[in-house]
Protein backbone atom coordinates (compact mmCIF):
# COMPACT_ATOMS: atom_id res chain seq x y z
CA UNK A 1 128.66 87.91 120.96
CA UNK A 2 129.79 85.93 124.01
CA UNK A 3 131.55 83.26 121.92
CA UNK A 4 133.46 85.52 119.52
CA UNK A 5 137.10 84.48 119.48
CA UNK A 6 139.82 87.10 119.85
CA UNK A 7 141.20 86.17 116.41
CA UNK A 8 137.84 86.72 114.69
CA UNK A 9 137.28 90.01 116.52
CA UNK A 10 140.75 91.20 115.62
CA UNK A 11 140.27 90.24 111.97
CA UNK A 12 137.02 92.24 111.74
CA UNK A 13 138.68 95.24 113.42
CA UNK A 14 141.54 95.19 110.91
CA UNK A 15 139.15 94.60 108.03
CA UNK A 16 136.88 97.53 108.80
CA UNK A 17 139.86 99.83 109.28
CA UNK A 18 141.30 98.86 105.91
CA UNK A 19 138.19 98.41 103.79
CA UNK A 20 135.33 100.47 105.28
CA UNK A 21 135.59 102.94 102.41
CA UNK A 22 135.25 100.10 99.86
CA UNK A 23 132.16 98.76 101.64
CA UNK A 24 130.62 102.22 101.60
CA UNK A 25 131.42 102.68 97.90
CA UNK A 26 129.74 99.41 96.99
CA UNK A 27 126.67 100.17 99.11
CA UNK A 28 126.05 103.61 97.62
CA UNK A 29 127.01 102.61 94.10
CA UNK A 30 124.31 99.93 94.20
CA UNK A 31 121.84 102.37 95.74
CA UNK A 32 122.45 105.03 93.10
CA UNK A 33 121.95 102.54 90.26
CA UNK A 34 118.21 102.64 90.97
CA UNK A 35 116.35 105.66 89.61
CA UNK A 36 114.09 105.72 92.68
CA UNK A 37 117.10 106.54 94.88
CA UNK A 38 117.79 109.85 93.13
CA UNK A 39 115.08 111.57 95.17
CA UNK A 40 116.88 110.67 98.41
CA UNK A 41 120.58 110.21 97.66
CA UNK A 42 122.96 112.07 95.36
CA UNK A 43 126.64 111.62 94.62
CA UNK A 44 127.28 114.99 96.26
CA UNK A 45 125.49 113.92 99.45
CA UNK A 46 127.44 110.66 99.53
CA UNK A 47 130.74 112.52 99.23
CA UNK A 48 129.78 115.25 101.69
CA UNK A 49 128.41 113.24 104.61
CA UNK A 50 126.92 109.81 103.87
CA UNK A 51 130.24 108.16 103.11
CA UNK A 52 131.63 109.03 106.54
CA UNK A 53 128.33 108.11 108.24
CA UNK A 54 128.37 104.67 106.64
CA UNK A 55 132.01 104.07 107.68
CA UNK A 56 131.12 105.02 111.25
CA UNK A 57 128.10 102.68 111.20
CA UNK A 58 129.95 99.62 109.92
CA UNK A 59 132.89 100.30 112.24
CA UNK A 60 130.53 100.28 115.23
CA UNK A 61 128.83 97.16 113.93
CA UNK A 62 132.07 95.18 113.45
CA UNK A 63 134.04 96.35 116.48
CA UNK A 64 131.55 96.76 119.31
CA UNK A 65 131.26 93.07 120.04
CA UNK A 66 130.97 93.16 123.80
CA UNK A 67 127.60 92.23 125.31
CA UNK A 68 127.50 95.61 127.02
CA UNK A 69 127.54 97.28 123.58
CA UNK A 70 124.35 95.55 122.39
CA UNK A 71 121.80 98.11 123.72
CA UNK A 72 123.62 100.98 121.99
CA UNK A 73 123.91 99.02 118.74
CA UNK A 74 120.19 98.22 118.80
CA UNK A 75 119.35 101.88 119.43
CA UNK A 76 121.56 102.92 116.52
CA UNK A 77 119.87 100.51 114.08
CA UNK A 78 116.40 101.62 115.19
CA UNK A 79 117.36 105.26 114.74
CA UNK A 80 118.53 104.57 111.19
CA UNK A 81 115.21 102.81 110.47
CA UNK A 82 113.31 105.83 111.80
CA UNK A 83 115.31 108.20 109.59
CA UNK A 84 114.76 106.02 106.53
CA UNK A 85 111.01 105.99 107.19
CA UNK A 86 110.91 109.74 107.77
CA UNK A 87 112.66 110.31 104.45
CA UNK A 88 110.43 107.67 102.81
CA UNK A 89 113.45 105.83 101.40
CA UNK A 90 112.11 102.55 99.98
CA UNK A 91 113.37 99.82 102.29
CA UNK A 92 113.93 97.44 99.36
CA UNK A 93 116.63 99.79 98.03
CA UNK A 94 118.51 99.63 101.32
CA UNK A 95 118.21 95.84 101.51
CA UNK A 96 119.43 95.42 97.92
CA UNK A 97 122.44 97.68 98.52
CA UNK A 98 123.18 95.79 101.74
CA UNK A 99 123.13 92.48 99.91
CA UNK A 100 125.67 93.69 97.37
CA UNK A 101 127.81 95.21 100.09
CA UNK A 102 127.87 91.85 101.93
CA UNK A 103 129.46 90.26 98.88
CA UNK A 104 132.36 92.71 99.10
CA UNK A 105 132.70 92.14 102.85
CA UNK A 106 132.77 88.37 102.40
CA UNK A 107 135.36 88.57 99.63
CA UNK A 108 137.53 90.86 101.76
CA UNK A 109 137.39 88.45 104.70
CA UNK A 110 138.36 85.45 102.58
CA UNK A 111 141.39 87.35 101.22
CA UNK A 112 142.73 88.17 104.68
CA UNK A 113 146.05 86.46 105.54
CA UNK A 114 144.61 84.90 108.68
CA UNK A 115 144.07 81.30 109.64
CA UNK A 116 141.14 79.56 107.96
CA UNK A 117 139.32 79.15 111.29
CA UNK A 118 139.47 82.88 112.03
CA UNK A 119 138.35 83.80 108.51
CA UNK A 120 135.48 81.31 108.65
CA UNK A 121 134.28 82.59 112.03
CA UNK A 122 134.65 86.21 110.96
CA UNK A 123 132.63 85.62 107.78
CA UNK A 124 129.74 84.05 109.69
CA UNK A 125 129.87 86.80 112.31
CA UNK A 126 129.99 89.65 109.77
CA UNK A 127 127.11 88.26 107.69
CA UNK A 128 125.05 87.72 110.83
CA UNK A 129 125.74 91.21 112.17
CA UNK A 130 124.71 92.83 108.90
CA UNK A 131 121.57 90.69 108.65
CA UNK A 132 120.52 91.48 112.22
CA UNK A 133 121.14 95.19 111.67
CA UNK A 134 119.00 95.14 108.52
CA UNK A 135 116.29 93.19 110.33
CA UNK A 136 116.14 95.73 113.17
CA UNK A 137 116.17 98.66 110.73
CA UNK A 138 113.40 97.08 108.65
CA UNK A 139 111.21 96.40 111.68
CA UNK A 140 111.63 99.97 112.89
CA UNK A 141 111.06 101.29 109.38
CA UNK A 142 107.78 99.37 109.14
CA UNK A 143 106.64 100.57 112.55
CA UNK A 144 107.53 104.20 111.84
CA UNK A 145 106.03 104.05 108.35
CA UNK A 146 102.77 102.61 109.73
CA UNK A 147 102.65 105.31 112.38
CA UNK A 148 103.20 108.02 109.76
CA UNK A 149 100.51 106.48 107.58
CA UNK A 150 98.03 106.51 110.47
CA UNK A 151 98.88 110.11 111.24
CA UNK A 152 98.49 111.07 107.59
CA UNK A 153 95.15 109.26 107.41
CA UNK A 154 93.99 111.00 110.58
CA UNK A 155 94.82 114.35 109.01
CA UNK A 156 92.97 113.41 105.83
CA UNK A 157 89.97 112.41 107.92
CA UNK A 158 90.17 115.73 109.73
CA UNK A 159 90.43 117.58 106.42
CA UNK A 160 87.43 115.65 105.12
CA UNK A 161 85.26 116.94 107.98
CA UNK A 162 85.38 120.50 106.66
CA UNK A 163 82.29 121.94 105.03
CA UNK A 164 82.81 120.72 101.48
CA UNK A 165 80.15 123.01 99.99
CA UNK A 166 81.76 126.03 101.62
CA UNK A 167 85.27 124.96 100.60
CA UNK A 168 84.10 124.45 97.04
CA UNK A 169 82.76 128.00 96.91
CA UNK A 170 85.95 129.40 98.45
CA UNK A 171 88.08 127.84 95.75
CA UNK A 172 85.69 128.69 92.91
CA UNK A 173 85.78 132.29 94.14
CA UNK A 174 89.58 132.19 94.33
CA UNK A 175 89.71 131.10 90.68
CA UNK A 176 87.32 133.85 89.66
CA UNK A 177 89.28 136.46 91.64
CA UNK A 178 92.50 135.56 89.86
CA UNK A 179 90.90 135.66 86.41
CA UNK A 180 89.28 139.03 87.19
CA UNK A 181 92.62 140.37 88.38
CA UNK A 182 94.23 139.15 85.17
CA UNK A 183 91.67 140.93 83.00
CA UNK A 184 92.16 144.11 85.02
CA UNK A 185 95.94 143.93 84.67
CA UNK A 186 95.69 143.30 80.93
CA UNK A 187 93.31 146.21 80.39
CA UNK A 188 94.95 148.89 82.52
CA UNK A 189 98.34 147.58 83.58
CA UNK A 190 100.18 147.65 80.33
CA UNK A 191 103.63 146.19 79.79
CA UNK A 192 105.11 147.69 82.99
CA UNK A 193 103.05 145.44 85.29
CA UNK A 194 104.13 141.76 85.29
CA UNK A 195 101.24 139.32 85.24
CA UNK A 196 100.82 137.31 88.42
CA UNK A 197 101.18 133.53 87.90
CA UNK A 198 98.12 131.55 88.88
CA UNK A 199 100.38 129.01 90.59
CA UNK A 200 101.24 131.74 93.13
CA UNK A 201 97.63 132.80 93.64
CA UNK A 202 95.62 131.73 96.70
CA UNK A 203 94.02 129.01 94.58
CA UNK A 204 97.39 127.81 93.28
CA UNK A 205 98.80 127.61 96.81
CA UNK A 206 95.70 125.75 98.04
CA UNK A 207 95.98 123.29 95.17
CA UNK A 208 99.65 122.65 95.82
CA UNK A 209 99.49 122.28 99.59
CA UNK A 210 96.00 121.54 100.89
CA UNK A 211 94.41 119.90 97.88
CA UNK A 212 96.52 116.71 98.10
CA UNK A 213 95.68 116.44 101.80
CA UNK A 214 91.95 116.40 101.04
CA UNK A 215 91.82 114.51 97.77
CA UNK A 216 93.74 111.27 97.24
CA UNK A 217 93.76 109.43 93.97
CA UNK A 218 91.39 111.35 91.66
CA UNK A 219 92.99 112.21 88.33
CA UNK A 220 91.20 115.58 88.34
CA UNK A 221 93.84 116.93 90.73
CA UNK A 222 96.60 116.33 88.18
CA UNK A 223 94.41 117.70 85.39
CA UNK A 224 93.90 120.97 87.32
CA UNK A 225 97.65 121.21 87.88
CA UNK A 226 98.12 120.84 84.12
CA UNK A 227 95.65 123.67 83.49
CA UNK A 228 97.58 125.97 85.80
CA UNK A 229 100.92 124.94 84.31
CA UNK A 230 99.60 125.65 80.80
CA UNK A 231 98.41 129.10 81.85
CA UNK A 232 101.69 130.05 83.52
CA UNK A 233 104.10 128.56 81.00
CA UNK A 234 102.29 129.27 77.71
CA UNK A 235 99.45 131.76 77.82
CA UNK A 236 100.70 134.38 80.28
CA UNK A 237 103.98 134.74 78.37
CA UNK A 238 101.93 135.00 75.17
CA UNK A 239 99.84 137.81 76.69
CA UNK A 240 102.96 139.65 77.89
CA UNK A 241 104.57 139.29 74.48
CA UNK A 242 101.45 140.63 72.76
CA UNK A 243 101.27 143.52 75.23
CA UNK A 244 104.86 144.47 74.48
CA UNK A 245 104.06 144.52 70.76
CA UNK A 246 100.67 146.17 71.28
CA UNK A 247 99.13 143.25 69.40
CA UNK A 248 95.45 143.56 70.31
CA UNK A 249 94.43 140.44 68.42
CA UNK A 250 97.15 138.41 70.13
CA UNK A 251 96.13 139.73 73.54
CA UNK A 252 92.49 138.74 73.00
CA UNK A 253 93.43 135.30 71.65
CA UNK A 254 95.76 134.44 74.54
CA UNK A 255 93.33 135.82 77.12
CA UNK A 256 90.50 133.68 75.72
CA UNK A 257 92.76 130.64 76.00
CA UNK A 258 93.43 131.49 79.64
CA UNK A 259 89.70 131.78 80.32
CA UNK A 260 89.15 128.39 78.65
CA UNK A 261 91.71 126.81 80.98
CA UNK A 262 90.11 128.53 83.98
CA UNK A 263 86.70 127.17 83.01
CA UNK A 264 88.18 123.69 82.60
CA UNK A 265 89.85 123.96 86.01
CA UNK A 266 86.54 125.07 87.56
CA UNK A 267 84.76 122.09 86.00
CA UNK A 268 87.43 119.70 87.28
CA UNK A 269 87.26 121.29 90.72
CA UNK A 270 83.52 120.63 90.87
CA UNK A 271 84.16 117.02 89.86
CA UNK A 272 86.74 116.70 92.65
CA UNK A 273 84.35 117.91 95.32
CA UNK A 274 81.52 115.79 93.93
CA UNK A 275 83.81 112.76 94.10
CA UNK A 276 84.76 113.63 97.68
CA UNK A 277 81.14 113.88 98.76
CA UNK A 278 80.30 110.53 97.17
CA UNK A 279 83.28 108.78 98.70
CA UNK A 280 82.97 110.24 102.17
CA UNK A 281 79.26 109.54 102.39
CA UNK A 282 80.15 105.85 102.63
CA UNK A 283 76.92 104.71 100.98
CA UNK A 284 75.60 104.46 97.47
CA UNK A 285 73.30 107.40 96.83
CA UNK A 286 70.65 105.37 95.01
CA UNK A 287 70.39 102.21 97.12
CA UNK A 288 71.83 103.48 100.44
CA UNK A 289 73.98 100.35 100.66
CA UNK A 290 77.70 100.49 101.40
CA UNK A 291 79.84 101.50 98.46
CA UNK A 292 82.66 99.18 97.47
CA UNK A 293 85.29 101.56 98.84
CA UNK A 294 84.86 99.86 102.20
CA UNK A 295 85.02 96.31 100.86
CA UNK A 296 88.77 95.79 101.49
CA UNK A 297 88.37 96.94 105.09
CA UNK A 298 85.35 94.74 105.76
CA UNK A 299 86.75 91.61 104.12
CA UNK A 300 90.16 92.13 105.70
CA UNK A 301 88.57 92.32 109.14
CA UNK A 302 86.40 89.25 108.48
CA UNK A 303 89.46 87.27 107.36
CA UNK A 304 91.34 88.25 110.53
CA UNK A 305 88.34 87.22 112.64
CA UNK A 306 88.01 83.92 110.80
CA UNK A 307 91.69 83.11 111.32
CA UNK A 308 91.83 84.15 114.98
CA UNK A 309 88.46 82.76 116.09
CA UNK A 310 88.25 79.68 113.90
CA UNK A 311 84.99 80.80 112.28
CA UNK A 312 84.08 81.22 108.63
CA UNK A 313 82.09 83.54 106.39
CA UNK A 314 80.75 83.59 102.85
CA UNK A 315 80.34 86.06 100.01
CA UNK A 316 77.32 86.28 97.70
CA UNK A 317 77.77 88.13 94.43
CA UNK A 318 74.42 88.93 92.85
CA UNK A 319 73.61 90.27 89.40
CA UNK A 320 70.20 91.40 88.10
CA UNK A 321 69.41 89.42 84.96
CA UNK A 322 68.88 91.34 81.70
CA UNK A 323 69.17 94.67 83.50
CA UNK A 324 70.31 96.50 80.37
CA UNK A 325 67.17 95.34 78.57
CA UNK A 326 65.05 96.71 81.43
CA UNK A 327 66.79 100.08 81.15
CA UNK A 328 66.51 100.16 77.37
CA UNK A 329 62.85 99.15 77.23
CA UNK A 330 61.35 100.89 80.26
CA UNK A 331 63.80 103.74 80.92
CA UNK A 332 66.34 104.57 83.59
CA UNK A 333 63.73 105.49 86.17
CA UNK A 334 62.47 101.90 86.07
CA UNK A 335 66.08 100.70 86.24
CA UNK A 336 66.68 102.82 89.33
CA UNK A 337 63.46 101.57 90.93
CA UNK A 338 64.57 97.99 90.23
CA UNK A 339 67.91 98.57 91.93
CA UNK A 340 66.23 100.15 94.93
CA UNK A 341 63.70 97.33 95.32
CA UNK A 342 66.40 94.65 95.10
CA UNK A 343 68.46 96.54 97.69
CA UNK A 344 65.46 96.73 100.02
CA UNK A 345 64.84 93.00 99.63
CA UNK A 346 68.47 92.25 100.47
CA UNK A 347 68.22 94.45 103.53
CA UNK A 348 65.17 92.57 104.80
CA UNK A 349 66.67 89.14 104.23
CA UNK A 350 70.13 89.58 105.74
CA UNK A 351 71.19 89.70 109.36
CA UNK A 352 72.54 92.49 111.52
CA UNK A 353 76.07 91.12 111.25
CA UNK A 354 76.07 90.99 107.45
CA UNK A 355 77.39 93.68 105.08
CA UNK A 356 75.53 94.79 101.95
CA UNK A 357 77.40 96.51 99.10
CA UNK A 358 76.37 98.07 95.83
CA UNK A 359 79.21 96.39 93.99
CA UNK A 360 78.76 98.22 90.72
CA UNK A 361 76.08 98.75 88.09
CA UNK A 362 73.45 96.04 88.66
CA UNK A 363 75.71 93.95 90.91
CA UNK A 364 75.43 93.58 94.68
CA UNK A 365 77.75 91.87 97.12
CA UNK A 366 76.81 90.42 100.52
CA UNK A 367 79.34 89.45 103.18
CA UNK A 368 77.54 86.81 105.26
CA UNK A 369 79.15 86.78 108.70
CA UNK A 370 79.68 83.29 110.21
CA UNK A 371 77.89 81.56 107.31
CA UNK A 372 79.34 78.29 106.06
CA UNK A 373 78.79 77.17 102.46
CA UNK A 374 75.55 75.34 103.25
CA UNK A 375 73.90 78.26 105.07
CA UNK A 376 75.13 80.70 102.42
CA UNK A 377 73.63 78.56 99.67
CA UNK A 378 70.27 78.41 101.45
CA UNK A 379 70.26 82.19 101.94
CA UNK A 380 71.15 82.78 98.30
CA UNK A 381 68.23 80.61 97.17
CA UNK A 382 65.79 82.40 99.49
CA UNK A 383 66.96 85.75 98.13
CA UNK A 384 66.66 84.56 94.53
CA UNK A 385 63.13 83.28 95.03
CA UNK A 386 62.00 86.38 96.96
CA UNK A 387 63.25 88.76 94.26
CA UNK A 388 61.58 86.66 91.57
CA UNK A 389 58.34 86.72 93.57
CA UNK A 390 58.17 90.51 93.83
CA UNK A 391 57.31 92.33 90.56
CA UNK A 392 58.46 95.86 89.86
CA UNK A 393 55.52 98.24 89.68
CA UNK A 394 55.49 100.62 86.72
CA UNK A 395 53.66 103.93 86.49
CA UNK A 396 51.58 103.30 83.35
CA UNK A 397 52.29 99.68 82.41
CA UNK A 398 51.81 96.25 83.97
CA UNK A 399 54.40 95.20 86.58
CA UNK A 400 57.50 93.42 85.32
CA UNK A 401 59.24 90.40 86.78
CA UNK A 402 62.90 90.52 87.74
CA UNK A 403 65.28 87.65 88.40
CA UNK A 404 68.82 87.47 89.69
CA UNK A 405 71.83 85.18 89.33
CA UNK A 406 73.97 84.58 92.41
CA UNK A 407 77.50 83.26 92.89
CA UNK A 408 78.45 81.88 96.31
CA UNK A 409 81.96 81.52 97.73
CA UNK A 410 83.06 80.59 101.25
CA UNK A 411 86.30 81.56 102.97
CA UNK A 412 88.84 78.76 102.66
CA UNK A 413 91.72 80.13 104.71
CA UNK A 414 93.47 82.10 101.97
CA UNK A 415 94.54 85.55 103.25
CA UNK A 416 93.80 87.45 100.00
CA UNK A 417 90.22 88.75 99.92
CA UNK A 418 90.47 89.31 96.17
CA UNK A 419 90.72 85.58 95.73
CA UNK A 420 87.40 85.09 97.53
CA UNK A 421 85.72 87.69 95.33
CA UNK A 422 87.17 85.94 92.28
CA UNK A 423 85.62 82.67 93.48
CA UNK A 424 82.21 84.33 93.80
CA UNK A 425 82.62 86.01 90.42
CA UNK A 426 83.43 82.70 88.72
CA UNK A 427 80.36 81.12 90.32
CA UNK A 428 78.21 84.06 89.19
CA UNK A 429 79.55 83.78 85.66
CA UNK A 430 78.63 80.10 85.62
CA UNK A 431 75.10 80.92 86.88
CA UNK A 432 74.59 83.48 84.11
CA UNK A 433 76.10 81.35 81.35
CA UNK A 434 73.93 78.34 82.22
CA UNK A 435 70.54 80.04 82.04
CA UNK A 436 70.41 82.80 84.69
CA UNK A 437 67.94 82.97 87.58
CA UNK A 438 69.94 80.45 89.55
CA UNK A 439 72.43 80.09 92.39
CA UNK A 440 75.84 78.49 91.92
CA UNK A 441 78.39 77.66 94.61
CA UNK A 442 82.00 77.94 93.58
CA UNK A 443 82.83 74.67 95.34
CA UNK A 444 80.48 72.85 92.95
CA UNK A 445 82.19 74.07 89.78
CA UNK A 446 84.01 71.42 87.77
CA UNK A 447 86.80 73.88 86.86
CA UNK A 448 88.11 75.82 89.85
CA UNK A 449 91.08 77.46 88.17
CA UNK A 450 92.00 80.60 90.10
CA UNK A 451 94.99 82.92 90.14
CA UNK A 452 97.88 81.95 92.40
């Protein structure tokens, strides 16, 4: 700012006065080319207010070049970043539109009838000003978005503390109340009483507003919405049409279809709450080890510790050999007992700083805190031998022996925890494909091909 020549400053002032509308047109034209922008920006909104707002922004950016103007310019960029985050406008859309707009600005500068030196200086200044503005907006966007995410997560955590059993019964009752009201209206209301949409019932309102705050991700939520949409858009109109024609058969048929959808919604609702209980418990119900939901958090924290403290850690991925055969031959109770005994053995043989996960099916994952490859390999061998040494007692048959295969991988500085799990998985695959009941370290594999 201090070294801006009067000629360059004057050129930018003239440029923005003449071409600000063109810059705005290019910016919003690029923005509106992306389908994701439709939720935030429309042609009507651009014409009504955004066009003038953009012209004011770029005029400030190109003409307030005094050092004393810097604090106000910074505040303006941060405010725009906050607004973008509040509206959840994808920042990549703004950056793409800005890049295309810069091309128009640069072309306009080069076509100005000024001396080459002034045009050259103005071009560098304009590109730099736009880049700095985008950088400040993006940083504020990220900060505001992270804050909103934390607030949202805090609310979800608060919502998750409610009595799930009680909430389940409330919503099951709300479904039953609506269906009972429907039957009553059909039987005694006649054609003069419009049927109440389930989407406007207490259950429908709960599903639309509070359900998404409690449940994140499960497909059952969308399936319940589809049930309600089918009832309101297809079956209630069919009932009303049959009522108007006094078509008793049609009324019964459409009402039965509504009850089928209600029963399906009730079943999906139970599945939602069951899923919530499993996820929020934090541990696998059978083995009482951590469930894999927390694996990203644990490994992310261990990677940060390793990078900041200069320490390392290892991952053991363990699979019970021939587990399907055990289930098929001796039954699922024996399979469950096998999983529980292996989990108990892992608990006895790992330290207080380690993390034990039921990774899925007959697989377990151990995060060995501050274990290098050598120590991790020794621990894996001790675990393998201990599990092999302990038979599984059966109720009415001789005990059976169980073995495990283990893959070992040690943190190598890569920031992606999925890469480390892939290492361990490759080592485990090698252990199983070369005879089972053995430990393999990824570093010892001849082929270490991994994703980029």
